[in-house]
Amino acid sequence: MKRRSIAKPAPVEAVQESRSLAKGLQILETLARKGNPMNLRDISEFAGLGKASTLRLLRTLQATGYLARDANDNYELGRDWPSIQQQNRLRSVRELSLPFLQGLNAELGETVALAFLFEDVIRVVEVMDGTHHIRMSNYRGGILQPYASSLGKSITAYQTPDVAQRLLYTYGIFSLTPNTLTDFRAIQDDLTMVRQRGYAWDREETVPGGTCIGAPIICGNGEVFSSVSMSMPKARFSKQLEELLPGMITDYASGIAKALKQAGVCEGAPAKPAATVLAPAKSGA
């Protein structure tokens, strides 16, 4: 039996590089938590570094697109960077939802997906492909249409007017298929129906020939930051499934919500549903 060699201590240079990386991540996390731009002096004090060292870090983060600098020489996030709380919540949602996604996937052998609300976009965070030869597909990390996809509608419909409007502004409103709603009043009416029914349809609104149903995962306080869906080709979507799927998808969404509640993931003040007080969103990409 060979003896395992003893690892040599990391060289001083590597330790310093790791420290710089740690400081850079702390700066990003702080900016994400505060939500407001910070100047060099404040960032330097927070990081416990001299201004020269802090400036080198900031320039590196800016050059790689993680930070942006405004006209007043303040620094802000240049891309989505979820806070630690949001990262922990996302990790919990994915882990606790997994058994339910597997069960839903096994029900009909169709593709199921899980979505999560970030600052100003809704992304797919988990996908289980269908077992049929011809099936609908999705991909992790994809940004969802807040006004067309069933996952996106299921989350957007339960946000405050400000958040719902930000989601629409960020994505823009434009036609994906002949069935896509682009009239702002029609979109608001559709989101109202989602809240009333407790689930959302995507009837070839994002992909020609595709049908999808989604449901919000509603916390006990009314907050919605995640949703679940099942999608299939229109050719397999029957009248019987149209009657069966709403109850199925809402049951699974309720099961996930219950698991989140038991794990203490659902916290915070109740969210006010989006209403018809939204200002018209800008059209275009």
C-alpha atoms as a PDB file:
ATOM      1  CA  MET A   1       0.000   0.000   0.000  1.00  0.00           C
ATOM      2  CA  LYS A   2       1.390   3.338  -1.019  1.00  0.00           C
ATOM      3  CA  ARG A   3       1.474   6.124   1.480  1.00  0.00           C
ATOM      4  CA  ARG A   4      -0.352   9.274   0.570  1.00  0.00           C
ATOM      5  CA  SER A   5       2.089  12.106   0.099  1.00  0.00           C
ATOM      6  CA  ILE A   6       1.742  15.076   2.373  1.00  0.00           C
ATOM      7  CA  ALA A   7       0.466  18.140   0.548  1.00  0.00           C
ATOM      8  CA  LYS A   8       2.906  21.004   0.437  1.00  0.00           C
ATOM      9  CA  PRO A   9       1.795  24.354   1.854  1.00  0.00           C
ATOM     10  CA  ALA A  10       0.339  26.697  -0.718  1.00  0.00           C
ATOM     11  CA  PRO A  11       2.846  29.290  -1.873  1.00  0.00           C
ATOM     12  CA  VAL A  12       2.447  32.770  -0.449  1.00  0.00           C
ATOM     13  CA  GLU A  13       1.476  34.129  -3.853  1.00  0.00           C
ATOM     14  CA  ALA A  14      -1.437  31.671  -4.143  1.00  0.00           C
ATOM     15  CA  VAL A  15      -2.675  32.607  -0.668  1.00  0.00           C
ATOM     16  CA  GLN A  16      -2.608  36.282  -1.608  1.00  0.00           C
ATOM     17  CA  GLU A  17      -4.513  35.577  -4.820  1.00  0.00           C
ATOM     18  CA  SER A  18      -7.167  33.654  -2.864  1.00  0.00           C
ATOM     19  CA  ARG A  19      -7.463  36.563  -0.427  1.00  0.00           C
ATOM     20  CA  SER A  20      -7.991  38.947  -3.330  1.00  0.00           C
ATOM     21  CA  LEU A  21     -10.648  36.659  -4.758  1.00  0.00           C
ATOM     22  CA  ALA A  22     -12.391  36.500  -1.401  1.00  0.00           C
ATOM     23  CA  LYS A  23     -12.342  40.298  -1.106  1.00  0.00           C
ATOM     24  CA  GLY A  24     -13.743  40.644  -4.612  1.00  0.00           C
ATOM     25  CA  LEU A  25     -16.609  38.274  -3.845  1.00  0.00           C
ATOM     26  CA  GLN A  26     -17.336  40.136  -0.611  1.00  0.00           C
ATOM     27  CA  ILE A  27     -17.539  43.408  -2.530  1.00  0.00           C
ATOM     28  CA  LEU A  28     -20.003  41.903  -5.022  1.00  0.00           C
ATOM     29  CA  GLU A  29     -22.096  40.458  -2.209  1.00  0.00           C
ATOM     30  CA  THR A  30     -22.180  43.809  -0.394  1.00  0.00           C
ATOM     31  CA  LEU A  31     -23.292  45.698  -3.495  1.00  0.00           C
ATOM     32  CA  ALA A  32     -25.986  43.067  -4.119  1.00  0.00           C
ATOM     33  CA  ARG A  33     -27.244  43.365  -0.540  1.00  0.00           C
ATOM     34  CA  LYS A  34     -27.238  47.168  -0.442  1.00  0.00           C
ATOM     35  CA  GLY A  35     -28.761  47.604  -3.896  1.00  0.00           C
ATOM     36  CA  ASN A  36     -27.151  51.051  -4.253  1.00  0.00           C
ATOM     37  CA  PRO A  37     -23.879  52.226  -5.882  1.00  0.00           C
ATOM     38  CA  MET A  38     -20.893  52.709  -3.570  1.00  0.00           C
ATOM     39  CA  ASN A  39     -17.843  54.929  -3.925  1.00  0.00           C
ATOM     40  CA  LEU A  40     -14.208  53.873  -3.699  1.00  0.00           C
ATOM     41  CA  ARG A  41     -13.749  55.133  -0.127  1.00  0.00           C
ATOM     42  CA  ASP A  42     -16.727  53.216   1.278  1.00  0.00           C
ATOM     43  CA  ILE A  43     -15.798  50.034  -0.582  1.00  0.00           C
ATOM     44  CA  SER A  44     -12.202  50.380   0.600  1.00  0.00           C
ATOM     45  CA  GLU A  45     -13.298  50.732   4.233  1.00  0.00           C
ATOM     46  CA  PHE A  46     -15.622  47.743   3.953  1.00  0.00           C
ATOM     47  CA  ALA A  47     -12.965  45.536   2.350  1.00  0.00           C
ATOM     48  CA  GLY A  48     -10.300  46.579   4.829  1.00  0.00           C
ATOM     49  CA  LEU A  49      -7.912  47.418   2.014  1.00  0.00           C
ATOM     50  CA  GLY A  50      -6.048  50.511   0.937  1.00  0.00           C
ATOM     51  CA  LYS A  51      -7.559  52.572  -1.838  1.00  0.00           C
ATOM     52  CA  ALA A  52      -4.886  51.486  -4.331  1.00  0.00           C
ATOM     53  CA  SER A  53      -5.527  47.766  -3.691  1.00  0.00           C
ATOM     54  CA  THR A  54      -9.289  48.282  -3.747  1.00  0.00           C
ATOM     55  CA  LEU A  55      -9.074  50.203  -6.998  1.00  0.00           C
ATOM     56  CA  ARG A  56      -7.164  47.346  -8.640  1.00  0.00           C
ATOM     57  CA  LEU A  57      -9.881  44.933  -7.566  1.00  0.00           C
ATOM     58  CA  LEU A  58     -12.642  47.225  -8.787  1.00  0.00           C
ATOM     59  CA  ARG A  59     -10.978  47.725 -12.163  1.00  0.00           C
ATOM     60  CA  THR A  60     -10.620  43.961 -12.582  1.00  0.00           C
ATOM     61  CA  LEU A  61     -14.278  43.395 -11.703  1.00  0.00           C
ATOM     62  CA  GLN A  62     -15.284  46.215 -14.042  1.00  0.00           C
ATOM     63  CA  ALA A  63     -13.165  44.860 -16.913  1.00  0.00           C
ATOM     64  CA  THR A  64     -14.788  41.436 -16.559  1.00  0.00           C
ATOM     65  CA  GLY A  65     -18.287  42.894 -16.531  1.00  0.00           C
ATOM     66  CA  TYR A  66     -19.145  42.215 -12.896  1.00  0.00           C
ATOM     67  CA  LEU A  67     -19.135  45.900 -11.977  1.00  0.00           C
ATOM     68  CA  ALA A  68     -20.070  49.115 -13.730  1.00  0.00           C
ATOM     69  CA  ARG A  69     -18.984  52.662 -12.852  1.00  0.00           C
ATOM     70  CA  ASP A  70     -21.378  55.587 -13.164  1.00  0.00           C
ATOM     71  CA  ALA A  71     -20.716  59.245 -13.988  1.00  0.00           C
ATOM     72  CA  ASN A  72     -20.049  60.000 -10.314  1.00  0.00           C
ATOM     73  CA  ASP A  73     -17.339  57.316 -10.058  1.00  0.00           C
ATOM     74  CA  ASN A  74     -19.599  55.097  -7.954  1.00  0.00           C
ATOM     75  CA  TYR A  75     -19.581  51.350  -8.518  1.00  0.00           C
ATOM     76  CA  GLU A  76     -22.608  49.111  -8.963  1.00  0.00           C
ATOM     77  CA  LEU A  77     -23.260  45.567 -10.144  1.00  0.00           C
ATOM     78  CA  GLY A  78     -22.843  45.068 -13.861  1.00  0.00           C
ATOM     79  CA  ARG A  79     -24.788  41.806 -13.942  1.00  0.00           C
ATOM     80  CA  ASP A  80     -27.184  39.754 -11.830  1.00  0.00           C
ATOM     81  CA  TRP A  81     -25.596  38.762  -8.533  1.00  0.00           C
ATOM     82  CA  PRO A  82     -28.020  37.155  -6.083  1.00  0.00           C
ATOM     83  CA  SER A  83     -27.514  37.913  -2.415  1.00  0.00           C
ATOM     84  CA  ILE A  84     -26.528  35.180   0.025  1.00  0.00           C
ATOM     85  CA  GLN A  85     -30.136  35.041   1.232  1.00  0.00           C
ATOM     86  CA  GLN A  86     -31.355  34.631  -2.324  1.00  0.00           C
ATOM     87  CA  GLN A  87     -28.715  31.998  -3.080  1.00  0.00           C
ATOM     88  CA  ASN A  88     -29.713  30.023   0.003  1.00  0.00           C
ATOM     89  CA  ARG A  89     -33.368  30.312  -0.907  1.00  0.00           C
ATOM     90  CA  LEU A  90     -32.695  29.175  -4.474  1.00  0.00           C
ATOM     91  CA  ARG A  91     -30.666  26.200  -3.277  1.00  0.00           C
ATOM     92  CA  SER A  92     -33.449  25.190  -0.866  1.00  0.00           C
ATOM     93  CA  VAL A  93     -36.136  25.539  -3.523  1.00  0.00           C
ATOM     94  CA  ARG A  94     -34.232  23.341  -5.956  1.00  0.00           C
ATOM     95  CA  GLU A  95     -33.497  20.653  -3.351  1.00  0.00           C
ATOM     96  CA  LEU A  96     -36.971  20.543  -1.809  1.00  0.00           C
ATOM     97  CA  SER A  97     -38.736  20.649  -5.192  1.00  0.00           C
ATOM     98  CA  LEU A  98     -36.784  17.752  -6.669  1.00  0.00           C
ATOM     99  CA  PRO A  99     -39.025  14.887  -5.410  1.00  0.00           C
ATOM    100  CA  PHE A 100     -42.116  16.732  -6.637  1.00  0.00           C
ATOM    101  CA  LEU A 101     -40.591  17.439 -10.039  1.00  0.00           C
ATOM    102  CA  GLN A 102     -39.707  13.765 -10.359  1.00  0.00           C
ATOM    103  CA  GLY A 103     -43.263  12.783  -9.442  1.00  0.00           C
ATOM    104  CA  LEU A 104     -44.795  15.242 -11.886  1.00  0.00           C
ATOM    105  CA  ASN A 105     -42.433  14.087 -14.619  1.00  0.00           C
ATOM    106  CA  ALA A 106     -43.446  10.473 -14.011  1.00  0.00           C
ATOM    107  CA  GLU A 107     -47.188  11.216 -14.159  1.00  0.00           C
ATOM    108  CA  LEU A 108     -47.332  11.688 -17.939  1.00  0.00           C
ATOM    109  CA  GLY A 109     -43.728  11.473 -19.069  1.00  0.00           C
ATOM    110  CA  GLU A 110     -43.776  15.127 -20.150  1.00  0.00           C
ATOM    111  CA  THR A 111     -41.124  17.793 -19.582  1.00  0.00           C
ATOM    112  CA  VAL A 112     -41.362  19.633 -16.263  1.00  0.00           C
ATOM    113  CA  ALA A 113     -39.485  22.750 -15.181  1.00  0.00           C
ATOM    114  CA  LEU A 114     -38.924  24.952 -12.162  1.00  0.00           C
ATOM    115  CA  ALA A 115     -38.517  28.749 -12.340  1.00  0.00           C
ATOM    116  CA  PHE A 116     -37.155  31.260  -9.846  1.00  0.00           C
ATOM    117  CA  LEU A 117     -37.501  35.029  -9.513  1.00  0.00           C
ATOM    118  CA  PHE A 118     -34.231  36.965  -9.475  1.00  0.00           C
ATOM    119  CA  GLU A 119     -33.976  40.759  -9.176  1.00  0.00           C
ATOM    120  CA  ASP A 120     -35.501  41.703 -12.514  1.00  0.00           C
ATOM    121  CA  VAL A 121     -35.736  38.444 -14.474  1.00  0.00           C
ATOM    122  CA  ILE A 122     -37.320  35.030 -14.121  1.00  0.00           C
ATOM    123  CA  ARG A 123     -35.039  32.109 -14.960  1.00  0.00           C
ATOM    124  CA  VAL A 124     -35.422  28.376 -15.418  1.00  0.00           C
ATOM    125  CA  VAL A 125     -33.480  26.727 -12.591  1.00  0.00           C
ATOM    126  CA  GLU A 126     -34.362  23.053 -13.051  1.00  0.00           C
ATOM    127  CA  VAL A 127     -35.577  20.884 -15.943  1.00  0.00           C
ATOM    128  CA  MET A 128     -36.590  17.240 -16.256  1.00  0.00           C
ATOM    129  CA  ASP A 129     -36.995  16.209 -19.866  1.00  0.00           C
ATOM    130  CA  GLY A 130     -39.934  14.148 -20.992  1.00  0.00           C
ATOM    131  CA  THR A 131     -39.560  10.490 -21.889  1.00  0.00           C
ATOM    132  CA  HIS A 132     -41.471  10.665 -25.175  1.00  0.00           C
ATOM    133  CA  HIS A 133     -39.570  10.536 -28.451  1.00  0.00           C
ATOM    134  CA  ILE A 134     -41.100  13.877 -29.427  1.00  0.00           C
ATOM    135  CA  ARG A 135     -41.152  16.275 -26.497  1.00  0.00           C
ATOM    136  CA  MET A 136     -40.914  19.910 -25.517  1.00  0.00           C
ATOM    137  CA  SER A 137     -37.542  21.093 -24.277  1.00  0.00           C
ATOM    138  CA  ASN A 138     -36.299  23.739 -21.900  1.00  0.00           C
ATOM    139  CA  TYR A 139     -32.896  24.650 -20.522  1.00  0.00           C
ATOM    140  CA  ARG A 140     -31.507  25.758 -17.184  1.00  0.00           C
ATOM    141  CA  GLY A 141     -30.593  29.411 -16.956  1.00  0.00           C
ATOM    142  CA  GLY A 142     -32.996  30.501 -19.670  1.00  0.00           C
ATOM    143  CA  ILE A 143     -34.746  33.833 -19.108  1.00  0.00           C
ATOM    144  CA  LEU A 144     -38.529  33.494 -19.291  1.00  0.00           C
ATOM    145  CA  GLN A 145     -41.083  35.832 -20.783  1.00  0.00           C
ATOM    146  CA  PRO A 146     -43.100  37.319 -17.898  1.00  0.00           C
ATOM    147  CA  TYR A 147     -46.099  37.823 -20.199  1.00  0.00           C
ATOM    148  CA  ALA A 148     -46.067  34.665 -22.373  1.00  0.00           C
ATOM    149  CA  SER A 149     -44.538  31.596 -20.710  1.00  0.00           C
ATOM    150  CA  SER A 150     -46.646  29.755 -18.138  1.00  0.00           C
ATOM    151  CA  LEU A 151     -43.751  29.792 -15.659  1.00  0.00           C
ATOM    152  CA  GLY A 152     -43.222  33.518 -16.144  1.00  0.00           C
ATOM    153  CA  LYS A 153     -46.909  34.385 -15.871  1.00  0.00           C
ATOM    154  CA  SER A 154     -47.291  32.273 -12.735  1.00  0.00           C
ATOM    155  CA  ILE A 155     -44.671  34.376 -10.952  1.00  0.00           C
ATOM    156  CA  THR A 156     -45.368  37.803 -12.488  1.00  0.00           C
ATOM    157  CA  ALA A 157     -49.086  37.680 -11.689  1.00  0.00           C
ATOM    158  CA  TYR A 158     -48.374  37.625  -7.951  1.00  0.00           C
ATOM    159  CA  GLN A 159     -45.808  40.438  -7.747  1.00  0.00           C
ATOM    160  CA  THR A 160     -46.315  44.006  -6.608  1.00  0.00           C
ATOM    161  CA  PRO A 161     -47.048  46.433  -9.452  1.00  0.00           C
ATOM    162  CA  ASP A 162     -43.490  47.808  -9.267  1.00  0.00           C
ATOM    163  CA  VAL A 163     -41.872  44.388  -9.549  1.00  0.00           C
ATOM    164  CA  ALA A 164     -44.236  43.203 -12.284  1.00  0.00           C
ATOM    165  CA  GLN A 165     -43.576  46.354 -14.257  1.00  0.00           C
ATOM    166  CA  ARG A 166     -39.810  45.941 -13.854  1.00  0.00           C
ATOM    167  CA  LEU A 167     -40.029  42.373 -15.145  1.00  0.00           C
ATOM    168  CA  LEU A 168     -41.940  43.527 -18.214  1.00  0.00           C
ATOM    169  CA  TYR A 169     -39.591  46.452 -18.832  1.00  0.00           C
ATOM    170  CA  THR A 170     -36.500  44.281 -18.507  1.00  0.00           C
ATOM    171  CA  TYR A 171     -37.674  41.647 -20.969  1.00  0.00           C
ATOM    172  CA  GLY A 172     -39.680  43.932 -23.247  1.00  0.00           C
ATOM    173  CA  ILE A 173     -42.934  43.000 -24.942  1.00  0.00           C
ATOM    174  CA  PHE A 174     -42.780  41.567 -28.452  1.00  0.00           C
ATOM    175  CA  SER A 175     -44.346  38.789 -30.475  1.00  0.00           C
ATOM    176  CA  LEU A 176     -42.806  35.320 -30.332  1.00  0.00           C
ATOM    177  CA  THR A 177     -45.595  33.527 -32.212  1.00  0.00           C
ATOM    178  CA  PRO A 178     -48.920  34.600 -33.729  1.00  0.00           C
ATOM    179  CA  ASN A 179     -50.516  33.710 -30.363  1.00  0.00           C
ATOM    180  CA  THR A 180     -48.292  35.944 -28.206  1.00  0.00           C
ATOM    181  CA  LEU A 181     -50.148  38.692 -26.369  1.00  0.00           C
ATOM    182  CA  THR A 182     -48.500  42.060 -26.970  1.00  0.00           C
ATOM    183  CA  ASP A 183     -51.370  44.407 -26.098  1.00  0.00           C
ATOM    184  CA  PHE A 184     -50.689  45.664 -22.595  1.00  0.00           C
ATOM    185  CA  ARG A 185     -54.319  45.592 -21.511  1.00  0.00           C
ATOM    186  CA  ALA A 186     -54.664  42.007 -22.746  1.00  0.00           C
ATOM    187  CA  ILE A 187     -51.530  41.023 -20.798  1.00  0.00           C
ATOM    188  CA  GLN A 188     -52.916  42.575 -17.615  1.00  0.00           C
ATOM    189  CA  ASP A 189     -56.216  40.748 -18.100  1.00  0.00           C
ATOM    190  CA  ASP A 190     -54.366  37.483 -18.637  1.00  0.00           C
ATOM    191  CA  LEU A 191     -52.338  37.957 -15.433  1.00  0.00           C
ATOM    192  CA  THR A 192     -55.554  38.718 -13.558  1.00  0.00           C
ATOM    193  CA  MET A 193     -56.987  35.413 -14.798  1.00  0.00           C
ATOM    194  CA  VAL A 194     -53.859  33.624 -13.606  1.00  0.00           C
ATOM    195  CA  ARG A 195     -54.429  34.945 -10.079  1.00  0.00           C
ATOM    196  CA  GLN A 196     -58.093  34.004 -10.185  1.00  0.00           C
ATOM    197  CA  ARG A 197     -57.481  30.463 -11.471  1.00  0.00           C
ATOM    198  CA  GLY A 198     -54.235  29.757  -9.640  1.00  0.00           C
ATOM    199  CA  TYR A 199     -52.449  28.533 -12.785  1.00  0.00           C
ATOM    200  CA  ALA A 200     -51.315  29.823 -16.187  1.00  0.00           C
ATOM    201  CA  TRP A 201     -51.553  28.527 -19.748  1.00  0.00           C
ATOM    202  CA  ASP A 202     -49.085  28.989 -22.568  1.00  0.00           C
ATOM    203  CA  ARG A 203     -50.974  27.967 -25.691  1.00  0.00           C
ATOM    204  CA  GLU A 204     -48.349  28.330 -28.404  1.00  0.00           C
ATOM    205  CA  GLU A 205     -47.474  31.782 -27.067  1.00  0.00           C
ATOM    206  CA  THR A 206     -43.739  31.124 -26.839  1.00  0.00           C
ATOM    207  CA  VAL A 207     -43.200  28.185 -29.203  1.00  0.00           C
ATOM    208  CA  PRO A 208     -45.359  27.156 -32.173  1.00  0.00           C
ATOM    209  CA  GLY A 209     -46.876  23.740 -31.558  1.00  0.00           C
ATOM    210  CA  GLY A 210     -46.211  23.792 -27.815  1.00  0.00           C
ATOM    211  CA  THR A 211     -48.638  23.785 -24.904  1.00  0.00           C
ATOM    212  CA  CYS A 212     -47.597  24.439 -21.314  1.00  0.00           C
ATOM    213  CA  ILE A 213     -49.321  24.856 -17.985  1.00  0.00           C
ATOM    214  CA  GLY A 214     -47.668  26.415 -14.952  1.00  0.00           C
ATOM    215  CA  ALA A 215     -48.601  27.138 -11.361  1.00  0.00           C
ATOM    216  CA  PRO A 216     -47.194  29.502  -8.730  1.00  0.00           C
ATOM    217  CA  ILE A 217     -45.582  28.088  -5.605  1.00  0.00           C
ATOM    218  CA  ILE A 218     -47.361  30.279  -3.064  1.00  0.00           C
ATOM    219  CA  CYS A 219     -45.910  30.755   0.409  1.00  0.00           C
ATOM    220  CA  GLY A 220     -48.242  31.000   3.366  1.00  0.00           C
ATOM    221  CA  ASN A 221     -47.775  34.773   3.445  1.00  0.00           C
ATOM    222  CA  GLY A 222     -48.769  35.075  -0.228  1.00  0.00           C
ATOM    223  CA  GLU A 223     -45.219  35.557  -1.523  1.00  0.00           C
ATOM    224  CA  VAL A 224     -44.398  33.935  -4.873  1.00  0.00           C
ATOM    225  CA  PHE A 225     -40.793  33.585  -6.012  1.00  0.00           C
ATOM    226  CA  SER A 226     -40.982  30.262  -7.827  1.00  0.00           C
ATOM    227  CA  SER A 227     -43.243  28.281 -10.150  1.00  0.00           C
ATOM    228  CA  VAL A 228     -43.521  24.835 -11.715  1.00  0.00           C
ATOM    229  CA  SER A 229     -44.725  23.764 -15.153  1.00  0.00           C
ATOM    230  CA  MET A 230     -45.412  20.858 -17.473  1.00  0.00           C
ATOM    231  CA  SER A 231     -45.088  21.209 -21.248  1.00  0.00           C
ATOM    232  CA  MET A 232     -45.934  19.011 -24.200  1.00  0.00           C
ATOM    233  CA  PRO A 233     -46.441  19.139 -27.976  1.00  0.00           C
ATOM    234  CA  LYS A 234     -49.857  20.376 -29.036  1.00  0.00           C
ATOM    235  CA  ALA A 235     -50.413  17.064 -30.826  1.00  0.00           C
ATOM    236  CA  ARG A 236     -50.627  15.252 -27.441  1.00  0.00           C
ATOM    237  CA  PHE A 237     -52.716  17.900 -25.736  1.00  0.00           C
ATOM    238  CA  SER A 238     -56.251  16.513 -25.546  1.00  0.00           C
ATOM    239  CA  LYS A 239     -59.509  17.765 -24.051  1.00  0.00           C
ATOM    240  CA  GLN A 240     -59.085  15.221 -21.284  1.00  0.00           C
ATOM    241  CA  LEU A 241     -55.644  16.642 -20.402  1.00  0.00           C
ATOM    242  CA  GLU A 242     -56.997  20.182 -20.517  1.00  0.00           C
ATOM    243  CA  GLU A 243     -59.377  19.183 -17.715  1.00  0.00           C
ATOM    244  CA  LEU A 244     -56.820  17.087 -15.807  1.00  0.00           C
ATOM    245  CA  LEU A 245     -53.720  19.296 -15.835  1.00  0.00           C
ATOM    246  CA  PRO A 246     -54.920  22.303 -13.754  1.00  0.00           C
ATOM    247  CA  GLY A 247     -55.622  20.150 -10.712  1.00  0.00           C
ATOM    248  CA  MET A 248     -52.426  18.154 -11.192  1.00  0.00           C
ATOM    249  CA  ILE A 249     -50.090  21.139 -11.520  1.00  0.00           C
ATOM    250  CA  THR A 250     -51.649  23.073  -8.626  1.00  0.00           C
ATOM    251  CA  ASP A 251     -51.470  19.999  -6.375  1.00  0.00           C
ATOM    252  CA  TYR A 252     -47.754  19.621  -7.027  1.00  0.00           C
ATOM    253  CA  ALA A 253     -47.181  23.363  -6.566  1.00  0.00           C
ATOM    254  CA  SER A 254     -49.027  23.198  -3.232  1.00  0.00           C
ATOM    255  CA  GLY A 255     -46.894  20.237  -2.187  1.00  0.00           C
ATOM    256  CA  ILE A 256     -43.711  22.175  -2.893  1.00  0.00           C
ATOM    257  CA  ALA A 257     -45.057  25.212  -1.013  1.00  0.00           C
ATOM    258  CA  LYS A 258     -45.816  23.034   2.006  1.00  0.00           C
ATOM    259  CA  ALA A 259     -42.279  21.598   1.940  1.00  0.00           C
ATOM    260  CA  LEU A 260     -40.819  25.112   1.746  1.00  0.00           C
ATOM    261  CA  LYS A 261     -42.946  26.233   4.686  1.00  0.00           C
ATOM    262  CA  GLN A 262     -41.880  23.275   6.823  1.00  0.00           C
ATOM    263  CA  ALA A 263     -38.228  24.042   6.022  1.00  0.00           C
ATOM    264  CA  GLY A 264     -38.673  27.714   6.930  1.00  0.00           C
ATOM    265  CA  VAL A 265     -37.857  28.926   3.411  1.00  0.00           C
ATOM    266  CA  CYS A 266     -41.027  30.996   3.001  1.00  0.00           C
ATOM    267  CA  GLU A 267     -40.416  34.172   4.960  1.00  0.00           C
ATOM    268  CA  GLY A 268     -40.922  37.903   4.581  1.00  0.00           C
ATOM    269  CA  ALA A 269     -43.851  40.274   4.256  1.00  0.00           C
ATOM    270  CA  PRO A 270     -46.804  39.295   2.065  1.00  0.00           C
ATOM    271  CA  ALA A 271     -46.523  40.486  -1.534  1.00  0.00           C
ATOM    272  CA  LYS A 272     -49.330  42.537  -3.039  1.00  0.00           C
ATOM    273  CA  PRO A 273     -50.525  41.040  -6.350  1.00  0.00           C
ATOM    274  CA  ALA A 274     -49.936  43.054  -9.487  1.00  0.00           C
ATOM    275  CA  ALA A 275     -53.007  45.050 -10.447  1.00  0.00           C
ATOM    276  CA  THR A 276     -54.179  47.134 -13.386  1.00  0.00           C
ATOM    277  CA  VAL A 277     -52.319  50.187 -12.113  1.00  0.00           C
ATOM    278  CA  LEU A 278     -49.233  49.226 -14.129  1.00  0.00           C
ATOM    279  CA  ALA A 279     -48.005  51.723 -16.667  1.00  0.00           C
ATOM    280  CA  PRO A 280     -47.705  50.459 -20.252  1.00  0.00           C
ATOM    281  CA  ALA A 281     -44.420  48.649 -20.783  1.00  0.00           C
ATOM    282  CA  LYS A 282     -42.105  49.482 -23.646  1.00  0.00           C
ATOM    283  CA  SER A 283     -42.288  47.204 -26.651  1.00  0.00           C
ATOM    284  CA  GLY A 284     -39.204  45.700 -28.226  1.00  0.00           C
ATOM    285  CA  ALA A 285     -36.360  43.424 -27.269  1.00  0.00           C
END
